[in-house]
Amino acid sequence: MIKNNRSEKEIIFATHNLHKLAEIKAIIDHRLKIISLNDLNFHEPIPETGDTLAENASQKAHFIYQKFGKNCFADDTGLEVDALGGAPGVYSARYAGENATYEQNTEKLLNELREIQNRKARFKTVISLILDGKEYFFEGKVEGSILPRRTGNGGFGYDPVFVPEGYHETFALMDPSEKNKISHRGRATMQLIQFLQRYFSL
C-alpha cells in the first residue's frame, strides 16, 4: 500500500484532449491532483491501435507509465450506434478520418443515419489505471439516442446529437455539472475515485 503523502496523491491523466481533461478535473481534482501531459510538457502522439476501448485505454496508460514511471490513468471513449452495428465505436474520434474534427465526425454520423429510424445508441468510457505497476479497469456507460440534427453548443464530440435516456436535451445543452453526474465518463470516473479513495485513504 502506498504511504499517504502529498506527492503520492498526484496522478497523470494520459491525454492530450483538453476537453476530457477539463471534465475529469471537474470531477476529481479536489480529491487528487491531476497532472496533465501539458504540465509535463509532453506533446508527442500516444499509440492507439487497439481493437477495443479497453485495449486503447490500456495501451495509452502503459505508454505514459513506462515513459515517466509515475502512477497514471488513461481513458478511451466510443459512441456505439445500434443501426450501424456498433460503429463508430473505437474509431469515434477519427470516424471521418485520422485528423477529422468533431464537426466532420458528427456530419458523417448524421449522413449515415439520414434514412434510418432506429436511433438507439450509447456512449462508453473505459479507464485504465496503473498504480504501482498494477492495472485496474473502470467502465461507464449511458444509453440514449441520436438526433437528426445538432442541438446545443456545449460539450464536445458527438454531444450535440446525443440525448441520454430519460432526458429531453442533448449533452451539449446540459450544464457541465449535470452532464458529469450521468455521463459515461462521469460514471467511469466515479468508480475510479471510489477506488482511489480506498487506496489512498482520501
N, C-alpha and C. Protein backbone atom coordinates (compact mmCIF):
# COMPACT_ATOMS: atom_id res chain seq x y z
N MET A 1 0.85 -1.21 0.00
CA MET A 1 0.00 0.00 0.00
C MET A 1 0.88 1.25 0.00
N ILE A 2 0.52 2.23 -0.80
CA ILE A 2 1.29 3.47 -0.86
C ILE A 2 1.09 4.26 0.42
N LYS A 3 2.16 4.88 0.90
CA LYS A 3 2.03 5.76 2.05
C LYS A 3 1.25 7.00 1.66
N ASN A 4 0.62 7.61 2.65
CA ASN A 4 -0.30 8.69 2.39
C ASN A 4 0.41 10.04 2.47
N ASN A 5 1.12 10.46 1.43
CA ASN A 5 1.71 11.79 1.45
C ASN A 5 1.35 12.53 0.16
N ARG A 6 1.61 13.83 0.15
CA ARG A 6 1.11 14.70 -0.92
C ARG A 6 1.62 14.27 -2.29
N SER A 7 2.92 13.97 -2.41
CA SER A 7 3.48 13.66 -3.72
C SER A 7 2.84 12.41 -4.31
N GLU A 8 2.46 11.48 -3.45
CA GLU A 8 1.88 10.23 -3.94
C GLU A 8 0.40 10.37 -4.23
N LYS A 9 -0.17 11.54 -3.92
CA LYS A 9 -1.56 11.79 -4.25
C LYS A 9 -1.67 12.56 -5.57
N GLU A 10 -0.63 12.50 -6.35
CA GLU A 10 -0.63 13.07 -7.68
C GLU A 10 -0.67 11.94 -8.70
N ILE A 11 -1.38 12.16 -9.78
CA ILE A 11 -1.52 11.11 -10.78
C ILE A 11 -1.61 11.74 -12.16
N ILE A 12 -1.01 11.10 -13.15
CA ILE A 12 -1.02 11.62 -14.51
C ILE A 12 -2.27 11.15 -15.24
N PHE A 13 -2.93 12.07 -15.93
CA PHE A 13 -4.00 11.70 -16.85
C PHE A 13 -3.39 11.71 -18.25
N ALA A 14 -3.29 10.53 -18.84
CA ALA A 14 -2.59 10.36 -20.12
C ALA A 14 -3.48 10.75 -21.29
N THR A 15 -3.61 12.04 -21.52
CA THR A 15 -4.40 12.51 -22.65
C THR A 15 -3.86 13.85 -23.14
N HIS A 16 -4.10 14.14 -24.42
CA HIS A 16 -3.85 15.46 -24.97
C HIS A 16 -5.16 16.22 -25.20
N ASN A 17 -6.28 15.57 -24.89
CA ASN A 17 -7.59 16.15 -25.14
C ASN A 17 -7.97 17.09 -24.00
N LEU A 18 -7.97 18.39 -24.27
CA LEU A 18 -8.22 19.38 -23.22
C LEU A 18 -9.67 19.32 -22.71
N HIS A 19 -10.60 18.90 -23.57
CA HIS A 19 -11.99 18.77 -23.14
C HIS A 19 -12.13 17.63 -22.14
N LYS A 20 -11.51 16.50 -22.43
CA LYS A 20 -11.53 15.38 -21.49
C LYS A 20 -10.87 15.77 -20.17
N LEU A 21 -9.74 16.47 -20.27
CA LEU A 21 -9.01 16.88 -19.07
C LEU A 21 -9.90 17.77 -18.19
N ALA A 22 -10.59 18.72 -18.81
CA ALA A 22 -11.45 19.62 -18.05
C ALA A 22 -12.58 18.86 -17.36
N GLU A 23 -13.18 17.90 -18.06
CA GLU A 23 -14.26 17.12 -17.47
C GLU A 23 -13.76 16.30 -16.28
N ILE A 24 -12.64 15.62 -16.47
CA ILE A 24 -12.09 14.78 -15.40
C ILE A 24 -11.70 15.64 -14.20
N LYS A 25 -11.04 16.76 -14.43
CA LYS A 25 -10.59 17.61 -13.33
C LYS A 25 -11.78 18.17 -12.56
N ALA A 26 -12.87 18.45 -13.26
CA ALA A 26 -14.06 18.97 -12.58
C ALA A 26 -14.63 17.95 -11.61
N ILE A 27 -14.44 16.67 -11.92
CA ILE A 27 -14.98 15.61 -11.08
C ILE A 27 -14.01 15.21 -9.97
N ILE A 28 -12.73 15.18 -10.27
CA ILE A 28 -11.77 14.50 -9.38
C ILE A 28 -10.73 15.41 -8.73
N ASP A 29 -10.46 16.60 -9.28
CA ASP A 29 -9.25 17.32 -8.92
C ASP A 29 -9.22 17.81 -7.48
N HIS A 30 -10.37 17.99 -6.84
CA HIS A 30 -10.35 18.43 -5.44
C HIS A 30 -10.01 17.29 -4.50
N ARG A 31 -9.99 16.05 -5.01
CA ARG A 31 -9.64 14.90 -4.19
C ARG A 31 -8.22 14.42 -4.45
N LEU A 32 -7.74 14.65 -5.66
CA LEU A 32 -6.45 14.13 -6.07
C LEU A 32 -5.88 15.08 -7.12
N LYS A 33 -4.60 15.39 -7.04
CA LYS A 33 -4.01 16.31 -8.00
C LYS A 33 -3.79 15.60 -9.33
N ILE A 34 -4.39 16.15 -10.37
CA ILE A 34 -4.25 15.59 -11.71
C ILE A 34 -3.13 16.32 -12.44
N ILE A 35 -2.16 15.56 -12.90
CA ILE A 35 -1.06 16.12 -13.70
C ILE A 35 -1.37 15.84 -15.17
N SER A 36 -1.45 16.87 -15.96
CA SER A 36 -1.75 16.67 -17.38
C SER A 36 -0.46 16.49 -18.16
N LEU A 37 -0.60 16.01 -19.39
CA LEU A 37 0.57 15.87 -20.25
C LEU A 37 1.14 17.24 -20.60
N ASN A 38 0.29 18.27 -20.61
CA ASN A 38 0.78 19.63 -20.82
C ASN A 38 1.66 20.07 -19.65
N ASP A 39 1.25 19.69 -18.44
CA ASP A 39 2.07 20.01 -17.26
C ASP A 39 3.46 19.38 -17.38
N LEU A 40 3.52 18.23 -18.02
CA LEU A 40 4.79 17.52 -18.20
C LEU A 40 5.52 17.96 -19.46
N ASN A 41 4.91 18.90 -20.19
CA ASN A 41 5.47 19.37 -21.46
C ASN A 41 5.69 18.22 -22.44
N PHE A 42 4.74 17.29 -22.42
CA PHE A 42 4.81 16.12 -23.30
C PHE A 42 3.72 16.27 -24.36
N HIS A 43 4.13 16.40 -25.60
CA HIS A 43 3.18 16.67 -26.67
C HIS A 43 3.26 15.65 -27.80
N GLU A 44 3.93 14.54 -27.56
CA GLU A 44 4.04 13.51 -28.59
C GLU A 44 2.73 12.73 -28.70
N PRO A 45 2.45 12.16 -29.89
CA PRO A 45 1.26 11.30 -30.03
C PRO A 45 1.42 10.04 -29.19
N ILE A 46 0.30 9.54 -28.67
CA ILE A 46 0.30 8.31 -27.89
C ILE A 46 -0.37 7.23 -28.73
N PRO A 47 0.24 6.04 -28.83
CA PRO A 47 -0.33 4.98 -29.67
C PRO A 47 -1.74 4.60 -29.25
N GLU A 48 -2.61 4.41 -30.25
CA GLU A 48 -3.97 3.91 -30.04
C GLU A 48 -4.29 2.95 -31.17
N THR A 49 -3.85 1.71 -31.05
CA THR A 49 -4.03 0.75 -32.14
C THR A 49 -4.86 -0.45 -31.72
N GLY A 50 -5.52 -0.37 -30.57
CA GLY A 50 -6.32 -1.48 -30.09
C GLY A 50 -7.62 -1.65 -30.85
N ASP A 51 -8.22 -2.82 -30.70
CA ASP A 51 -9.50 -3.11 -31.35
C ASP A 51 -10.69 -2.84 -30.42
N THR A 52 -10.40 -2.54 -29.16
CA THR A 52 -11.46 -2.26 -28.19
C THR A 52 -11.09 -1.01 -27.40
N LEU A 53 -12.08 -0.44 -26.73
CA LEU A 53 -11.83 0.72 -25.88
C LEU A 53 -10.86 0.36 -24.76
N ALA A 54 -11.03 -0.82 -24.17
CA ALA A 54 -10.15 -1.25 -23.08
C ALA A 54 -8.70 -1.39 -23.56
N GLU A 55 -8.51 -1.94 -24.75
CA GLU A 55 -7.15 -2.09 -25.28
C GLU A 55 -6.50 -0.73 -25.51
N ASN A 56 -7.25 0.21 -26.05
CA ASN A 56 -6.69 1.54 -26.30
C ASN A 56 -6.35 2.26 -24.99
N ALA A 57 -7.27 2.19 -24.02
CA ALA A 57 -7.01 2.84 -22.73
C ALA A 57 -5.77 2.24 -22.09
N SER A 58 -5.66 0.92 -22.13
CA SER A 58 -4.52 0.23 -21.54
C SER A 58 -3.22 0.60 -22.25
N GLN A 59 -3.27 0.65 -23.57
CA GLN A 59 -2.08 0.98 -24.35
C GLN A 59 -1.58 2.39 -24.00
N LYS A 60 -2.50 3.33 -23.89
CA LYS A 60 -2.11 4.70 -23.57
C LYS A 60 -1.54 4.81 -22.15
N ALA A 61 -2.20 4.14 -21.20
CA ALA A 61 -1.73 4.20 -19.82
C ALA A 61 -0.35 3.58 -19.66
N HIS A 62 -0.13 2.43 -20.29
CA HIS A 62 1.17 1.77 -20.20
C HIS A 62 2.26 2.62 -20.85
N PHE A 63 1.94 3.26 -21.96
CA PHE A 63 2.91 4.08 -22.66
C PHE A 63 3.42 5.21 -21.76
N ILE A 64 2.50 5.90 -21.10
CA ILE A 64 2.88 7.02 -20.24
C ILE A 64 3.54 6.53 -18.96
N TYR A 65 3.05 5.42 -18.41
CA TYR A 65 3.65 4.87 -17.20
C TYR A 65 5.12 4.48 -17.44
N GLN A 66 5.36 3.86 -18.58
CA GLN A 66 6.73 3.44 -18.89
C GLN A 66 7.64 4.64 -19.17
N LYS A 67 7.05 5.70 -19.72
CA LYS A 67 7.86 6.87 -20.06
C LYS A 67 8.23 7.69 -18.83
N PHE A 68 7.29 7.84 -17.88
CA PHE A 68 7.51 8.72 -16.74
C PHE A 68 7.67 7.99 -15.41
N GLY A 69 7.30 6.71 -15.37
CA GLY A 69 7.45 5.95 -14.14
C GLY A 69 6.57 6.44 -13.01
N LYS A 70 5.44 7.06 -13.36
CA LYS A 70 4.51 7.59 -12.34
C LYS A 70 3.14 6.96 -12.52
N ASN A 71 2.41 6.86 -11.41
CA ASN A 71 1.04 6.37 -11.48
C ASN A 71 0.25 7.20 -12.47
N CYS A 72 -0.57 6.55 -13.27
CA CYS A 72 -1.31 7.27 -14.30
C CYS A 72 -2.58 6.52 -14.67
N PHE A 73 -3.45 7.23 -15.38
CA PHE A 73 -4.62 6.59 -15.95
C PHE A 73 -4.89 7.19 -17.32
N ALA A 74 -5.57 6.41 -18.14
CA ALA A 74 -5.96 6.86 -19.48
C ALA A 74 -7.36 6.35 -19.75
N ASP A 75 -8.06 7.04 -20.62
CA ASP A 75 -9.40 6.57 -20.97
C ASP A 75 -9.53 6.46 -22.48
N ASP A 76 -10.49 5.67 -22.90
CA ASP A 76 -10.92 5.70 -24.30
C ASP A 76 -12.43 5.67 -24.29
N THR A 77 -13.01 6.44 -25.17
CA THR A 77 -14.46 6.59 -25.22
C THR A 77 -14.95 6.34 -26.62
N GLY A 78 -16.09 5.69 -26.72
CA GLY A 78 -16.67 5.44 -28.03
C GLY A 78 -18.19 5.60 -28.01
N LEU A 79 -18.72 5.98 -29.14
CA LEU A 79 -20.16 6.04 -29.36
C LEU A 79 -20.55 4.82 -30.17
N GLU A 80 -21.49 4.03 -29.65
CA GLU A 80 -21.94 2.83 -30.34
C GLU A 80 -23.38 3.03 -30.81
N VAL A 81 -23.60 2.94 -32.10
CA VAL A 81 -24.93 3.15 -32.68
C VAL A 81 -25.44 1.80 -33.18
N ASP A 82 -26.59 1.39 -32.66
CA ASP A 82 -27.11 0.06 -32.97
C ASP A 82 -27.30 -0.17 -34.47
N ALA A 83 -27.88 0.83 -35.15
CA ALA A 83 -28.19 0.68 -36.57
C ALA A 83 -26.93 0.59 -37.43
N LEU A 84 -25.80 0.98 -36.86
CA LEU A 84 -24.52 0.93 -37.60
C LEU A 84 -23.65 -0.21 -37.11
N GLY A 85 -24.26 -1.17 -36.43
CA GLY A 85 -23.52 -2.33 -35.96
C GLY A 85 -22.51 -2.01 -34.88
N GLY A 86 -22.77 -0.96 -34.11
CA GLY A 86 -21.86 -0.56 -33.04
C GLY A 86 -20.85 0.50 -33.43
N ALA A 87 -20.84 0.88 -34.71
CA ALA A 87 -19.95 1.96 -35.16
C ALA A 87 -20.51 3.30 -34.64
N PRO A 88 -19.64 4.31 -34.53
CA PRO A 88 -18.21 4.32 -34.84
C PRO A 88 -17.32 3.63 -33.81
N GLY A 89 -17.84 3.39 -32.58
CA GLY A 89 -17.11 2.60 -31.60
C GLY A 89 -15.71 3.09 -31.32
N VAL A 90 -14.75 2.19 -31.44
CA VAL A 90 -13.37 2.52 -31.12
C VAL A 90 -12.79 3.58 -32.07
N TYR A 91 -13.45 3.80 -33.20
CA TYR A 91 -12.99 4.80 -34.17
C TYR A 91 -13.72 6.13 -34.03
N SER A 92 -14.42 6.35 -32.93
CA SER A 92 -15.26 7.54 -32.78
C SER A 92 -14.51 8.84 -32.99
N ALA A 93 -13.29 8.93 -32.49
CA ALA A 93 -12.54 10.19 -32.59
C ALA A 93 -11.99 10.44 -33.98
N ARG A 94 -11.96 9.40 -34.81
CA ARG A 94 -11.41 9.55 -36.17
C ARG A 94 -12.35 8.92 -37.20
N TYR A 95 -13.63 9.04 -36.94
CA TYR A 95 -14.64 8.39 -37.77
C TYR A 95 -14.59 8.90 -39.21
N ALA A 96 -14.36 10.19 -39.39
CA ALA A 96 -14.32 10.78 -40.73
C ALA A 96 -12.89 10.92 -41.25
N GLY A 97 -11.93 10.28 -40.57
CA GLY A 97 -10.53 10.36 -40.99
C GLY A 97 -9.63 10.64 -39.81
N GLU A 98 -8.34 10.38 -39.99
CA GLU A 98 -7.37 10.49 -38.90
C GLU A 98 -7.35 11.87 -38.25
N ASN A 99 -7.47 12.92 -39.03
CA ASN A 99 -7.40 14.27 -38.49
C ASN A 99 -8.75 14.98 -38.53
N ALA A 100 -9.82 14.21 -38.49
CA ALA A 100 -11.16 14.78 -38.59
C ALA A 100 -11.50 15.62 -37.36
N THR A 101 -12.29 16.66 -37.59
CA THR A 101 -12.78 17.50 -36.49
C THR A 101 -14.03 16.86 -35.89
N TYR A 102 -14.43 17.37 -34.72
CA TYR A 102 -15.68 16.90 -34.12
C TYR A 102 -16.84 17.08 -35.09
N GLU A 103 -16.85 18.23 -35.77
CA GLU A 103 -17.94 18.53 -36.70
C GLU A 103 -17.97 17.55 -37.87
N GLN A 104 -16.82 17.21 -38.40
CA GLN A 104 -16.75 16.27 -39.53
C GLN A 104 -17.21 14.88 -39.12
N ASN A 105 -16.79 14.44 -37.93
CA ASN A 105 -17.24 13.13 -37.43
C ASN A 105 -18.75 13.10 -37.26
N THR A 106 -19.28 14.15 -36.67
CA THR A 106 -20.73 14.22 -36.44
C THR A 106 -21.50 14.27 -37.74
N GLU A 107 -20.99 15.02 -38.70
CA GLU A 107 -21.65 15.13 -40.00
C GLU A 107 -21.70 13.77 -40.70
N LYS A 108 -20.62 13.01 -40.62
CA LYS A 108 -20.62 11.68 -41.22
C LYS A 108 -21.65 10.79 -40.55
N LEU A 109 -21.71 10.84 -39.23
CA LEU A 109 -22.68 10.04 -38.49
C LEU A 109 -24.11 10.39 -38.90
N LEU A 110 -24.42 11.67 -38.96
CA LEU A 110 -25.78 12.09 -39.32
C LEU A 110 -26.12 11.68 -40.75
N ASN A 111 -25.17 11.76 -41.65
CA ASN A 111 -25.41 11.34 -43.03
C ASN A 111 -25.71 9.85 -43.11
N GLU A 112 -25.00 9.04 -42.33
CA GLU A 112 -25.21 7.60 -42.38
C GLU A 112 -26.54 7.19 -41.74
N LEU A 113 -27.06 8.03 -40.87
CA LEU A 113 -28.34 7.73 -40.21
C LEU A 113 -29.53 8.46 -40.84
N ARG A 114 -29.28 9.13 -41.95
CA ARG A 114 -30.30 10.02 -42.52
C ARG A 114 -31.63 9.33 -42.79
N GLU A 115 -31.60 8.12 -43.32
CA GLU A 115 -32.84 7.42 -43.66
C GLU A 115 -33.19 6.32 -42.65
N ILE A 116 -32.55 6.33 -41.51
CA ILE A 116 -32.72 5.24 -40.53
C ILE A 116 -33.59 5.69 -39.36
N GLN A 117 -34.58 4.87 -39.02
CA GLN A 117 -35.49 5.20 -37.92
C GLN A 117 -34.91 4.84 -36.56
N ASN A 118 -34.20 3.73 -36.48
CA ASN A 118 -33.63 3.30 -35.20
C ASN A 118 -32.44 4.18 -34.86
N ARG A 119 -32.59 5.03 -33.85
CA ARG A 119 -31.53 5.97 -33.48
C ARG A 119 -30.87 5.61 -32.15
N LYS A 120 -31.14 4.40 -31.66
CA LYS A 120 -30.62 4.00 -30.35
C LYS A 120 -29.10 3.92 -30.37
N ALA A 121 -28.48 4.45 -29.30
CA ALA A 121 -27.02 4.48 -29.22
C ALA A 121 -26.61 4.54 -27.76
N ARG A 122 -25.33 4.39 -27.53
CA ARG A 122 -24.80 4.53 -26.17
C ARG A 122 -23.36 5.04 -26.24
N PHE A 123 -22.98 5.77 -25.22
CA PHE A 123 -21.60 6.17 -25.02
C PHE A 123 -20.97 5.23 -24.00
N LYS A 124 -19.74 4.82 -24.24
CA LYS A 124 -18.98 4.02 -23.28
C LYS A 124 -17.62 4.66 -23.05
N THR A 125 -17.19 4.65 -21.81
CA THR A 125 -15.84 5.05 -21.45
C THR A 125 -15.19 3.93 -20.65
N VAL A 126 -13.97 3.59 -21.01
CA VAL A 126 -13.17 2.63 -20.24
C VAL A 126 -11.93 3.36 -19.76
N ILE A 127 -11.66 3.28 -18.46
CA ILE A 127 -10.45 3.87 -17.87
C ILE A 127 -9.50 2.76 -17.47
N SER A 128 -8.25 2.89 -17.86
CA SER A 128 -7.18 2.02 -17.39
C SER A 128 -6.34 2.80 -16.40
N LEU A 129 -6.22 2.29 -15.19
CA LEU A 129 -5.42 2.91 -14.14
C LEU A 129 -4.22 2.02 -13.85
N ILE A 130 -3.03 2.60 -13.88
CA ILE A 130 -1.83 1.85 -13.49
C ILE A 130 -1.29 2.47 -12.21
N LEU A 131 -1.34 1.68 -11.15
CA LEU A 131 -0.97 2.13 -9.81
C LEU A 131 0.05 1.15 -9.25
N ASP A 132 1.25 1.64 -9.00
CA ASP A 132 2.34 0.79 -8.51
C ASP A 132 2.56 -0.43 -9.41
N GLY A 133 2.40 -0.22 -10.72
CA GLY A 133 2.67 -1.29 -11.67
C GLY A 133 1.53 -2.25 -11.91
N LYS A 134 0.44 -2.12 -11.16
CA LYS A 134 -0.73 -2.97 -11.36
C LYS A 134 -1.81 -2.20 -12.12
N GLU A 135 -2.55 -2.92 -12.97
CA GLU A 135 -3.56 -2.27 -13.81
C GLU A 135 -4.96 -2.60 -13.32
N TYR A 136 -5.81 -1.58 -13.36
CA TYR A 136 -7.21 -1.72 -12.95
C TYR A 136 -8.08 -1.05 -14.02
N PHE A 137 -9.28 -1.60 -14.26
CA PHE A 137 -10.18 -1.05 -15.27
C PHE A 137 -11.49 -0.59 -14.64
N PHE A 138 -12.04 0.48 -15.20
CA PHE A 138 -13.34 1.01 -14.78
C PHE A 138 -14.12 1.38 -16.03
N GLU A 139 -15.41 1.07 -16.05
CA GLU A 139 -16.22 1.33 -17.24
C GLU A 139 -17.50 2.08 -16.89
N GLY A 140 -17.84 3.04 -17.70
CA GLY A 140 -19.09 3.78 -17.56
C GLY A 140 -19.84 3.75 -18.88
N LYS A 141 -21.17 3.71 -18.79
CA LYS A 141 -21.99 3.63 -19.99
C LYS A 141 -23.26 4.44 -19.79
N VAL A 142 -23.73 5.08 -20.85
CA VAL A 142 -25.01 5.77 -20.80
C VAL A 142 -25.76 5.49 -22.11
N GLU A 143 -26.99 5.02 -21.96
CA GLU A 143 -27.84 4.74 -23.12
C GLU A 143 -28.50 6.02 -23.59
N GLY A 144 -28.87 6.06 -24.87
CA GLY A 144 -29.55 7.24 -25.40
C GLY A 144 -29.91 7.07 -26.85
N SER A 145 -30.03 8.19 -27.55
CA SER A 145 -30.39 8.16 -28.96
C SER A 145 -29.77 9.34 -29.68
N ILE A 146 -29.71 9.22 -31.02
CA ILE A 146 -29.09 10.24 -31.86
C ILE A 146 -30.17 11.09 -32.53
N LEU A 147 -30.07 12.40 -32.36
CA LEU A 147 -30.99 13.31 -33.02
C LEU A 147 -30.62 13.45 -34.51
N PRO A 148 -31.56 13.89 -35.34
CA PRO A 148 -31.25 14.07 -36.76
C PRO A 148 -30.43 15.32 -37.07
N ARG A 149 -30.28 16.20 -36.08
CA ARG A 149 -29.50 17.43 -36.30
C ARG A 149 -28.87 17.87 -34.98
N ARG A 150 -27.84 18.71 -35.08
CA ARG A 150 -27.16 19.21 -33.89
C ARG A 150 -28.07 20.14 -33.08
N THR A 151 -27.98 20.01 -31.75
CA THR A 151 -28.72 20.88 -30.86
C THR A 151 -27.84 21.22 -29.66
N GLY A 152 -27.47 22.48 -29.54
CA GLY A 152 -26.64 22.92 -28.42
C GLY A 152 -25.19 23.14 -28.80
N ASN A 153 -24.53 24.00 -28.04
CA ASN A 153 -23.14 24.37 -28.35
C ASN A 153 -22.15 23.93 -27.28
N GLY A 154 -22.63 23.30 -26.22
CA GLY A 154 -21.73 22.88 -25.15
C GLY A 154 -21.11 21.53 -25.44
N GLY A 155 -20.32 21.05 -24.48
CA GLY A 155 -19.71 19.73 -24.61
C GLY A 155 -18.73 19.67 -25.77
N PHE A 156 -18.54 18.46 -26.28
CA PHE A 156 -17.63 18.26 -27.41
C PHE A 156 -17.97 16.93 -28.07
N GLY A 157 -17.30 16.65 -29.18
CA GLY A 157 -17.55 15.39 -29.88
C GLY A 157 -18.97 15.29 -30.39
N TYR A 158 -19.62 14.18 -30.06
CA TYR A 158 -20.98 13.92 -30.54
C TYR A 158 -22.05 14.46 -29.58
N ASP A 159 -21.65 15.23 -28.57
CA ASP A 159 -22.60 15.74 -27.57
C ASP A 159 -23.80 16.47 -28.17
N PRO A 160 -23.64 17.25 -29.25
CA PRO A 160 -24.79 17.99 -29.78
C PRO A 160 -25.87 17.12 -30.42
N VAL A 161 -25.59 15.83 -30.65
CA VAL A 161 -26.62 14.98 -31.27
C VAL A 161 -27.03 13.82 -30.38
N PHE A 162 -26.47 13.73 -29.16
CA PHE A 162 -26.77 12.60 -28.27
C PHE A 162 -27.68 13.04 -27.13
N VAL A 163 -28.85 12.38 -27.04
CA VAL A 163 -29.79 12.62 -25.94
C VAL A 163 -29.77 11.41 -25.02
N PRO A 164 -29.34 11.58 -23.75
CA PRO A 164 -29.32 10.43 -22.84
C PRO A 164 -30.73 9.97 -22.48
N GLU A 165 -30.87 8.68 -22.25
CA GLU A 165 -32.15 8.08 -21.92
C GLU A 165 -32.75 8.75 -20.68
N GLY A 166 -34.05 9.09 -20.77
CA GLY A 166 -34.72 9.74 -19.64
C GLY A 166 -34.64 11.25 -19.67
N TYR A 167 -33.98 11.82 -20.67
CA TYR A 167 -33.83 13.27 -20.79
C TYR A 167 -34.37 13.72 -22.14
N HIS A 168 -34.57 15.03 -22.26
CA HIS A 168 -35.12 15.59 -23.50
C HIS A 168 -34.16 16.56 -24.16
N GLU A 169 -32.95 16.67 -23.63
CA GLU A 169 -31.97 17.58 -24.21
C GLU A 169 -30.65 16.84 -24.43
N THR A 170 -29.89 17.34 -25.37
CA THR A 170 -28.60 16.71 -25.66
C THR A 170 -27.59 17.05 -24.57
N PHE A 171 -26.50 16.28 -24.56
CA PHE A 171 -25.39 16.59 -23.65
C PHE A 171 -24.90 18.02 -23.88
N ALA A 172 -24.98 18.49 -25.13
CA ALA A 172 -24.47 19.83 -25.47
C ALA A 172 -25.32 20.94 -24.88
N LEU A 173 -26.54 20.63 -24.46
CA LEU A 173 -27.41 21.63 -23.85
C LEU A 173 -27.35 21.59 -22.32
N MET A 174 -26.75 20.56 -21.78
CA MET A 174 -26.73 20.40 -20.32
C MET A 174 -25.64 21.24 -19.68
N ASP A 175 -25.91 21.66 -18.45
CA ASP A 175 -24.87 22.25 -17.63
C ASP A 175 -23.79 21.19 -17.41
N PRO A 176 -22.51 21.55 -17.51
CA PRO A 176 -21.44 20.55 -17.37
C PRO A 176 -21.54 19.71 -16.10
N SER A 177 -21.93 20.32 -14.99
CA SER A 177 -22.03 19.57 -13.74
C SER A 177 -23.14 18.53 -13.81
N GLU A 178 -24.23 18.86 -14.51
CA GLU A 178 -25.33 17.91 -14.68
C GLU A 178 -24.89 16.76 -15.59
N LYS A 179 -24.20 17.11 -16.66
CA LYS A 179 -23.70 16.08 -17.58
C LYS A 179 -22.76 15.12 -16.86
N ASN A 180 -21.85 15.66 -16.04
CA ASN A 180 -20.86 14.83 -15.36
C ASN A 180 -21.49 13.82 -14.41
N LYS A 181 -22.67 14.14 -13.89
CA LYS A 181 -23.34 13.23 -12.96
C LYS A 181 -23.86 11.97 -13.66
N ILE A 182 -24.21 12.09 -14.94
CA ILE A 182 -24.86 10.97 -15.62
C ILE A 182 -24.07 10.43 -16.80
N SER A 183 -23.01 11.12 -17.20
CA SER A 183 -22.31 10.73 -18.42
C SER A 183 -21.50 9.46 -18.23
N HIS A 184 -21.16 8.84 -19.34
CA HIS A 184 -20.28 7.68 -19.38
C HIS A 184 -18.95 7.95 -18.69
N ARG A 185 -18.35 9.11 -19.01
CA ARG A 185 -17.06 9.44 -18.41
C ARG A 185 -17.22 9.73 -16.92
N GLY A 186 -18.32 10.40 -16.57
CA GLY A 186 -18.58 10.68 -15.18
C GLY A 186 -18.75 9.41 -14.36
N ARG A 187 -19.47 8.43 -14.92
CA ARG A 187 -19.71 7.17 -14.21
C ARG A 187 -18.42 6.37 -14.05
N ALA A 188 -17.61 6.31 -15.12
CA ALA A 188 -16.34 5.60 -15.02
C ALA A 188 -15.40 6.30 -14.04
N THR A 189 -15.42 7.63 -14.07
CA THR A 189 -14.54 8.39 -13.19
C THR A 189 -14.94 8.24 -11.73
N MET A 190 -16.23 8.17 -11.44
CA MET A 190 -16.67 7.98 -10.06
C MET A 190 -16.20 6.62 -9.53
N GLN A 191 -16.20 5.60 -10.38
CA GLN A 191 -15.65 4.31 -9.96
C GLN A 191 -14.15 4.44 -9.66
N LEU A 192 -13.46 5.17 -10.52
CA LEU A 192 -12.03 5.43 -10.31
C LEU A 192 -11.81 6.16 -8.98
N ILE A 193 -12.61 7.20 -8.72
CA ILE A 193 -12.48 7.96 -7.49
C ILE A 193 -12.69 7.08 -6.27
N GLN A 194 -13.74 6.27 -6.30
CA GLN A 194 -14.04 5.40 -5.16
C GLN A 194 -12.88 4.44 -4.88
N PHE A 195 -12.28 3.93 -5.95
CA PHE A 195 -11.12 3.05 -5.79
C PHE A 195 -9.95 3.81 -5.19
N LEU A 196 -9.66 5.00 -5.72
CA LEU A 196 -8.53 5.79 -5.23
C LEU A 196 -8.74 6.25 -3.79
N GLN A 197 -9.99 6.53 -3.43
CA GLN A 197 -10.28 6.92 -2.05
C GLN A 197 -9.90 5.80 -1.08
N ARG A 198 -10.23 4.57 -1.47
CA ARG A 198 -9.88 3.44 -0.62
C ARG A 198 -8.36 3.23 -0.61
N TYR A 199 -7.76 3.37 -1.79
CA TYR A 199 -6.33 3.09 -1.93
C TYR A 199 -5.47 4.09 -1.16
N PHE A 200 -5.82 5.38 -1.30
CA PHE A 200 -5.05 6.43 -0.68
C PHE A 200 -5.60 6.89 0.67
N SER A 201 -6.74 6.30 1.08
CA SER A 201 -7.43 6.75 2.30
C SER A 201 -7.72 8.24 2.24
N LEU A 202 -8.29 8.68 1.10
CA LEU A 202 -8.59 10.10 0.90
C LEU A 202 -9.76 10.53 1.76
